[in-house]
PDB file of N, CA and C in Angstrom:
ATOM      1  N   MET A   1     -23.770  18.227  30.434  1.00  0.00           N
ATOM      2  CA  MET A   1     -24.100  19.478  29.786  1.00  0.00           C
ATOM      3  C   MET A   1     -23.857  19.335  28.275  1.00  0.00           C
ATOM      4  N   ALA A   2     -24.766  19.863  27.509  1.00  0.00           N
ATOM      5  CA  ALA A   2     -24.663  19.784  26.047  1.00  0.00           C
ATOM      6  C   ALA A   2     -23.579  20.740  25.551  1.00  0.00           C
ATOM      7  N   LYS A   3     -22.814  20.267  24.608  1.00  0.00           N
ATOM      8  CA  LYS A   3     -21.736  21.070  24.018  1.00  0.00           C
ATOM      9  C   LYS A   3     -22.003  21.204  22.519  1.00  0.00           C
ATOM     10  N   MET A   4     -21.960  22.426  22.039  1.00  0.00           N
ATOM     11  CA  MET A   4     -22.174  22.702  20.623  1.00  0.00           C
ATOM     12  C   MET A   4     -20.960  22.229  19.834  1.00  0.00           C
ATOM     13  N   LYS A   5     -21.189  21.502  18.736  1.00  0.00           N
ATOM     14  CA  LYS A   5     -20.107  20.946  17.917  1.00  0.00           C
ATOM     15  C   LYS A   5     -19.955  21.674  16.585  1.00  0.00           C
ATOM     16  N   LEU A   6     -20.501  22.858  16.463  1.00  0.00           N
ATOM     17  CA  LEU A   6     -20.537  23.542  15.178  1.00  0.00           C
ATOM     18  C   LEU A   6     -19.145  23.721  14.584  1.00  0.00           C
ATOM     19  N   TRP A   7     -18.186  24.172  15.368  1.00  0.00           N
ATOM     20  CA  TRP A   7     -16.839  24.392  14.846  1.00  0.00           C
ATOM     21  C   TRP A   7     -16.242  23.082  14.335  1.00  0.00           C
ATOM     22  N   ASN A   8     -16.415  22.003  15.106  1.00  0.00           N
ATOM     23  CA  ASN A   8     -15.868  20.709  14.698  1.00  0.00           C
ATOM     24  C   ASN A   8     -16.483  20.243  13.384  1.00  0.00           C
ATOM     25  N   ILE A   9     -17.790  20.355  13.272  1.00  0.00           N
ATOM     26  CA  ILE A   9     -18.490  19.930  12.058  1.00  0.00           C
ATOM     27  C   ILE A   9     -18.021  20.753  10.868  1.00  0.00           C
ATOM     28  N   ARG A  10     -17.968  22.055  11.064  1.00  0.00           N
ATOM     29  CA  ARG A  10     -17.552  22.954   9.989  1.00  0.00           C
ATOM     30  C   ARG A  10     -16.124  22.658   9.564  1.00  0.00           C
ATOM     31  N   SER A  11     -15.252  22.417  10.511  1.00  0.00           N
ATOM     32  CA  SER A  11     -13.846  22.123  10.218  1.00  0.00           C
ATOM     33  C   SER A  11     -13.688  20.791   9.488  1.00  0.00           C
ATOM     34  N   GLU A  12     -14.417  19.765   9.948  1.00  0.00           N
ATOM     35  CA  GLU A  12     -14.336  18.452   9.300  1.00  0.00           C
ATOM     36  C   GLU A  12     -14.779  18.509   7.842  1.00  0.00           C
ATOM     37  N   ARG A  13     -15.716  19.398   7.555  1.00  0.00           N
ATOM     38  CA  ARG A  13     -16.250  19.512   6.195  1.00  0.00           C
ATOM     39  C   ARG A  13     -15.547  20.592   5.371  1.00  0.00           C
ATOM     40  N   ASN A  14     -14.528  21.201   5.949  1.00  0.00           N
ATOM     41  CA  ASN A  14     -13.782  22.269   5.280  1.00  0.00           C
ATOM     42  C   ASN A  14     -14.688  23.392   4.785  1.00  0.00           C
ATOM     43  N   ILE A  15     -15.613  23.801   5.644  1.00  0.00           N
ATOM     44  CA  ILE A  15     -16.526  24.899   5.338  1.00  0.00           C
ATOM     45  C   ILE A  15     -16.071  26.117   6.129  1.00  0.00           C
ATOM     46  N   THR A  16     -15.865  27.231   5.441  1.00  0.00           N
ATOM     47  CA  THR A  16     -15.458  28.453   6.133  1.00  0.00           C
ATOM     48  C   THR A  16     -16.664  29.089   6.810  1.00  0.00           C
ATOM     49  N   THR A  17     -16.381  29.992   7.723  1.00  0.00           N
ATOM     50  CA  THR A  17     -17.449  30.737   8.384  1.00  0.00           C
ATOM     51  C   THR A  17     -18.261  31.509   7.353  1.00  0.00           C
ATOM     52  N   ARG A  18     -17.597  32.078   6.383  1.00  0.00           N
ATOM     53  CA  ARG A  18     -18.274  32.837   5.327  1.00  0.00           C
ATOM     54  C   ARG A  18     -19.209  31.929   4.519  1.00  0.00           C
ATOM     55  N   GLU A  19     -18.731  30.731   4.177  1.00  0.00           N
ATOM     56  CA  GLU A  19     -19.564  29.794   3.424  1.00  0.00           C
ATOM     57  C   GLU A  19     -20.802  29.384   4.222  1.00  0.00           C
ATOM     58  N   LEU A  20     -20.605  29.099   5.510  1.00  0.00           N
ATOM     59  CA  LEU A  20     -21.738  28.716   6.349  1.00  0.00           C
ATOM     60  C   LEU A  20     -22.706  29.883   6.507  1.00  0.00           C
ATOM     61  N   ALA A  21     -22.180  31.072   6.597  1.00  0.00           N
ATOM     62  CA  ALA A  21     -23.037  32.255   6.680  1.00  0.00           C
ATOM     63  C   ALA A  21     -23.895  32.375   5.420  1.00  0.00           C
ATOM     64  N   ASN A  22     -23.290  32.173   4.268  1.00  0.00           N
ATOM     65  CA  ASN A  22     -24.041  32.233   3.001  1.00  0.00           C
ATOM     66  C   ASN A  22     -25.084  31.132   2.904  1.00  0.00           C
ATOM     67  N   LEU A  23     -24.744  29.940   3.348  1.00  0.00           N
ATOM     68  CA  LEU A  23     -25.663  28.808   3.286  1.00  0.00           C
ATOM     69  C   LEU A  23     -26.827  28.941   4.264  1.00  0.00           C
ATOM     70  N   SER A  24     -26.557  29.517   5.433  1.00  0.00           N
ATOM     71  CA  SER A  24     -27.549  29.548   6.512  1.00  0.00           C
ATOM     72  C   SER A  24     -28.308  30.866   6.627  1.00  0.00           C
ATOM     73  N   GLY A  25     -27.726  31.943   6.108  1.00  0.00           N
ATOM     74  CA  GLY A  25     -28.348  33.249   6.291  1.00  0.00           C
ATOM     75  C   GLY A  25     -28.056  33.857   7.649  1.00  0.00           C
ATOM     76  N   ILE A  26     -27.126  33.264   8.379  1.00  0.00           N
ATOM     77  CA  ILE A  26     -26.703  33.783   9.687  1.00  0.00           C
ATOM     78  C   ILE A  26     -25.364  34.477   9.493  1.00  0.00           C
ATOM     79  N   SER A  27     -25.193  35.631  10.095  1.00  0.00           N
ATOM     80  CA  SER A  27     -23.968  36.397   9.869  1.00  0.00           C
ATOM     81  C   SER A  27     -22.738  35.665  10.394  1.00  0.00           C
ATOM     82  N   LYS A  28     -21.580  35.994   9.810  1.00  0.00           N
ATOM     83  CA  LYS A  28     -20.307  35.404  10.249  1.00  0.00           C
ATOM     84  C   LYS A  28     -20.063  35.687  11.722  1.00  0.00           C
ATOM     85  N   SER A  29     -20.372  36.888  12.169  1.00  0.00           N
ATOM     86  CA  SER A  29     -20.123  37.240  13.568  1.00  0.00           C
ATOM     87  C   SER A  29     -21.021  36.441  14.510  1.00  0.00           C
ATOM     88  N   GLU A  30     -22.267  36.200  14.099  1.00  0.00           N
ATOM     89  CA  GLU A  30     -23.151  35.383  14.933  1.00  0.00           C
ATOM     90  C   GLU A  30     -22.654  33.943  14.995  1.00  0.00           C
ATOM     91  N   ILE A  31     -22.211  33.409  13.871  1.00  0.00           N
ATOM     92  CA  ILE A  31     -21.658  32.048  13.857  1.00  0.00           C
ATOM     93  C   ILE A  31     -20.434  31.981  14.761  1.00  0.00           C
ATOM     94  N   ASN A  32     -19.579  32.968  14.673  1.00  0.00           N
ATOM     95  CA  ASN A  32     -18.393  33.024  15.525  1.00  0.00           C
ATOM     96  C   ASN A  32     -18.787  33.071  16.996  1.00  0.00           C
ATOM     97  N   ASN A  33     -19.781  33.860  17.343  1.00  0.00           N
ATOM     98  CA  ASN A  33     -20.237  33.952  18.734  1.00  0.00           C
ATOM     99  C   ASN A  33     -20.829  32.629  19.220  1.00  0.00           C
ATOM    100  N   ILE A  34     -21.542  31.939  18.359  1.00  0.00           N
ATOM    101  CA  ILE A  34     -22.100  30.638  18.719  1.00  0.00           C
ATOM    102  C   ILE A  34     -20.970  29.630  18.917  1.00  0.00           C
ATOM    103  N   GLU A  35     -20.021  29.585  17.992  1.00  0.00           N
ATOM    104  CA  GLU A  35     -18.904  28.633  18.096  1.00  0.00           C
ATOM    105  C   GLU A  35     -18.050  28.885  19.335  1.00  0.00           C
ATOM    106  N   ASN A  36     -17.906  30.129  19.722  1.00  0.00           N
ATOM    107  CA  ASN A  36     -17.087  30.472  20.885  1.00  0.00           C
ATOM    108  C   ASN A  36     -17.895  30.570  22.175  1.00  0.00           C
ATOM    109  N   GLU A  37     -19.141  30.089  22.111  1.00  0.00           N
ATOM    110  CA  GLU A  37     -20.030  30.021  23.267  1.00  0.00           C
ATOM    111  C   GLU A  37     -20.224  31.367  23.954  1.00  0.00           C
ATOM    112  N   ARG A  38     -20.238  32.421  23.172  1.00  0.00           N
ATOM    113  CA  ARG A  38     -20.525  33.749  23.720  1.00  0.00           C
ATOM    114  C   ARG A  38     -22.015  33.900  23.993  1.00  0.00           C
ATOM    115  N   TYR A  39     -22.819  33.199  23.212  1.00  0.00           N
ATOM    116  CA  TYR A  39     -24.254  33.100  23.495  1.00  0.00           C
ATOM    117  C   TYR A  39     -24.816  31.845  22.859  1.00  0.00           C
ATOM    118  N   SER A  40     -25.969  31.447  23.368  1.00  0.00           N
ATOM    119  CA  SER A  40     -26.639  30.251  22.843  1.00  0.00           C
ATOM    120  C   SER A  40     -27.494  30.631  21.650  1.00  0.00           C
ATOM    121  N   PRO A  41     -27.461  29.819  20.621  1.00  0.00           N
ATOM    122  CA  PRO A  41     -28.262  30.124  19.435  1.00  0.00           C
ATOM    123  C   PRO A  41     -29.755  29.938  19.703  1.00  0.00           C
ATOM    124  N   ARG A  42     -30.568  30.725  19.028  1.00  0.00           N
ATOM    125  CA  ARG A  42     -32.017  30.570  19.081  1.00  0.00           C
ATOM    126  C   ARG A  42     -32.404  29.335  18.277  1.00  0.00           C
ATOM    127  N   LEU A  43     -33.590  28.827  18.518  1.00  0.00           N
ATOM    128  CA  LEU A  43     -34.059  27.644  17.794  1.00  0.00           C
ATOM    129  C   LEU A  43     -34.087  27.900  16.295  1.00  0.00           C
ATOM    130  N   SER A  44     -34.492  29.082  15.895  1.00  0.00           N
ATOM    131  CA  SER A  44     -34.532  29.403  14.460  1.00  0.00           C
ATOM    132  C   SER A  44     -33.129  29.364  13.853  1.00  0.00           C
ATOM    133  N   GLN A  45     -32.111  29.775  14.602  1.00  0.00           N
ATOM    134  CA  GLN A  45     -30.735  29.711  14.119  1.00  0.00           C
ATOM    135  C   GLN A  45     -30.265  28.259  14.029  1.00  0.00           C
ATOM    136  N   LEU A  46     -30.624  27.451  15.019  1.00  0.00           N
ATOM    137  CA  LEU A  46     -30.263  26.032  14.985  1.00  0.00           C
ATOM    138  C   LEU A  46     -30.875  25.349  13.771  1.00  0.00           C
ATOM    139  N   GLU A  47     -32.117  25.690  13.463  1.00  0.00           N
ATOM    140  CA  GLU A  47     -32.777  25.115  12.295  1.00  0.00           C
ATOM    141  C   GLU A  47     -32.042  25.497  11.009  1.00  0.00           C
ATOM    142  N   LYS A  48     -31.652  26.753  10.899  1.00  0.00           N
ATOM    143  CA  LYS A  48     -30.940  27.221   9.704  1.00  0.00           C
ATOM    144  C   LYS A  48     -29.576  26.556   9.581  1.00  0.00           C
ATOM    145  N   LEU A  49     -28.866  26.442  10.682  1.00  0.00           N
ATOM    146  CA  LEU A  49     -27.548  25.807  10.663  1.00  0.00           C
ATOM    147  C   LEU A  49     -27.667  24.325  10.300  1.00  0.00           C
ATOM    148  N   ALA A  50     -28.613  23.639  10.911  1.00  0.00           N
ATOM    149  CA  ALA A  50     -28.805  22.215  10.622  1.00  0.00           C
ATOM    150  C   ALA A  50     -29.177  22.009   9.157  1.00  0.00           C
ATOM    151  N   ALA A  51     -30.061  22.843   8.637  1.00  0.00           N
ATOM    152  CA  ALA A  51     -30.464  22.727   7.230  1.00  0.00           C
ATOM    153  C   ALA A  51     -29.277  22.994   6.309  1.00  0.00           C
ATOM    154  N   ALA A  52     -28.487  24.016   6.631  1.00  0.00           N
ATOM    155  CA  ALA A  52     -27.329  24.366   5.801  1.00  0.00           C
ATOM    156  C   ALA A  52     -26.306  23.233   5.787  1.00  0.00           C
ATOM    157  N   LEU A  53     -26.192  22.515   6.898  1.00  0.00           N
ATOM    158  CA  LEU A  53     -25.222  21.422   7.008  1.00  0.00           C
ATOM    159  C   LEU A  53     -25.840  20.063   6.692  1.00  0.00           C
ATOM    160  N   ASP A  54     -27.120  20.055   6.325  1.00  0.00           N
ATOM    161  CA  ASP A  54     -27.845  18.839   5.962  1.00  0.00           C
ATOM    162  C   ASP A  54     -27.770  17.799   7.078  1.00  0.00           C
ATOM    163  N   MET A  55     -28.175  18.216   8.275  1.00  0.00           N
ATOM    164  CA  MET A  55     -28.174  17.324   9.424  1.00  0.00           C
ATOM    165  C   MET A  55     -29.292  17.722  10.379  1.00  0.00           C
ATOM    166  N   GLY A  56     -29.540  16.916  11.362  1.00  0.00           N
ATOM    167  CA  GLY A  56     -30.542  17.230  12.370  1.00  0.00           C
ATOM    168  C   GLY A  56     -29.990  18.185  13.414  1.00  0.00           C
ATOM    169  N   ILE A  57     -30.890  18.889  14.070  1.00  0.00           N
ATOM    170  CA  ILE A  57     -30.471  19.823  15.118  1.00  0.00           C
ATOM    171  C   ILE A  57     -29.696  19.095  16.213  1.00  0.00           C
ATOM    172  N   VAL A  58     -30.155  17.906  16.617  1.00  0.00           N
ATOM    173  CA  VAL A  58     -29.463  17.173  17.691  1.00  0.00           C
ATOM    174  C   VAL A  58     -28.030  16.823  17.317  1.00  0.00           C
ATOM    175  N   ASP A  59     -27.749  16.718  16.008  1.00  0.00           N
ATOM    176  CA  ASP A  59     -26.393  16.392  15.567  1.00  0.00           C
ATOM    177  C   ASP A  59     -25.420  17.545  15.763  1.00  0.00           C
ATOM    178  N   LEU A  60     -25.946  18.732  16.045  1.00  0.00           N
ATOM    179  CA  LEU A  60     -25.090  19.891  16.303  1.00  0.00           C
ATOM    180  C   LEU A  60     -24.539  19.889  17.726  1.00  0.00           C
ATOM    181  N   PHE A  61     -25.030  18.954  18.552  1.00  0.00           N
ATOM    182  CA  PHE A  61     -24.645  18.922  19.965  1.00  0.00           C
ATOM    183  C   PHE A  61     -24.026  17.593  20.348  1.00  0.00           C
ATOM    184  N   ASP A  62     -23.204  17.646  21.382  1.00  0.00           N
ATOM    185  CA  ASP A  62     -22.645  16.455  21.989  1.00  0.00           C
ATOM    186  C   ASP A  62     -23.113  16.456  23.438  1.00  0.00           C
ATOM    187  N   SER A  63     -23.788  15.400  23.844  1.00  0.00           N
ATOM    188  CA  SER A  63     -24.298  15.312  25.207  1.00  0.00           C
ATOM    189  C   SER A  63     -24.515  13.855  25.562  1.00  0.00           C
ATOM    190  N   GLU A  64     -24.312  13.538  26.827  1.00  0.00           N
ATOM    191  CA  GLU A  64     -24.575  12.177  27.272  1.00  0.00           C
ATOM    192  C   GLU A  64     -26.074  11.886  27.277  1.00  0.00           C
ATOM    193  N   TYR A  65     -26.905  12.927  27.192  1.00  0.00           N
ATOM    194  CA  TYR A  65     -28.359  12.777  27.174  1.00  0.00           C
ATOM    195  C   TYR A  65     -28.941  13.002  25.792  1.00  0.00           C
ATOM    196  N   LYS A  66     -28.128  12.895  24.764  1.00  0.00           N
ATOM    197  CA  LYS A  66     -28.562  13.166  23.394  1.00  0.00           C
ATOM    198  C   LYS A  66     -29.697  12.242  22.975  1.00  0.00           C
ATOM    199  N   TYR A  67     -29.618  11.001  23.367  1.00  0.00           N
ATOM    200  CA  TYR A  67     -30.643  10.011  23.019  1.00  0.00           C
ATOM    201  C   TYR A  67     -31.260   9.444  24.284  1.00  0.00           C
ATOM    202  N   ALA A  68     -32.536   9.191  24.234  1.00  0.00           N
ATOM    203  CA  ALA A  68     -33.250   8.638  25.384  1.00  0.00           C
ATOM    204  C   ALA A  68     -32.803   7.206  25.619  1.00  0.00           C
ATOM    205  N   PRO A  69     -32.723   6.810  26.874  1.00  0.00           N
ATOM    206  CA  PRO A  69     -32.352   5.413  27.151  1.00  0.00           C
ATOM    207  C   PRO A  69     -33.437   4.469  26.654  1.00  0.00           C
ATOM    208  N   LYS A  70     -33.032   3.262  26.303  1.00  0.00           N
ATOM    209  CA  LYS A  70     -33.983   2.269  25.768  1.00  0.00           C
ATOM    210  C   LYS A  70     -34.533   1.415  26.860  1.00  0.00           C
TER     211      LYS A  70
END
């Protein structure tokens, strides 16, 4: 099962919820709900978060199926 790594990424980069909200245009409460797995983010939210953190959408998740087998 895929696990969202948003909190870990944000913490490693010392970015506050408020800063990420400003960068992404997503409210602090929505970011908090996503980090605490209260609901799954929409694709448009994932795109905004990935862009704000300068990474790919897949990098926001941890999963054993993240990459296709070779």
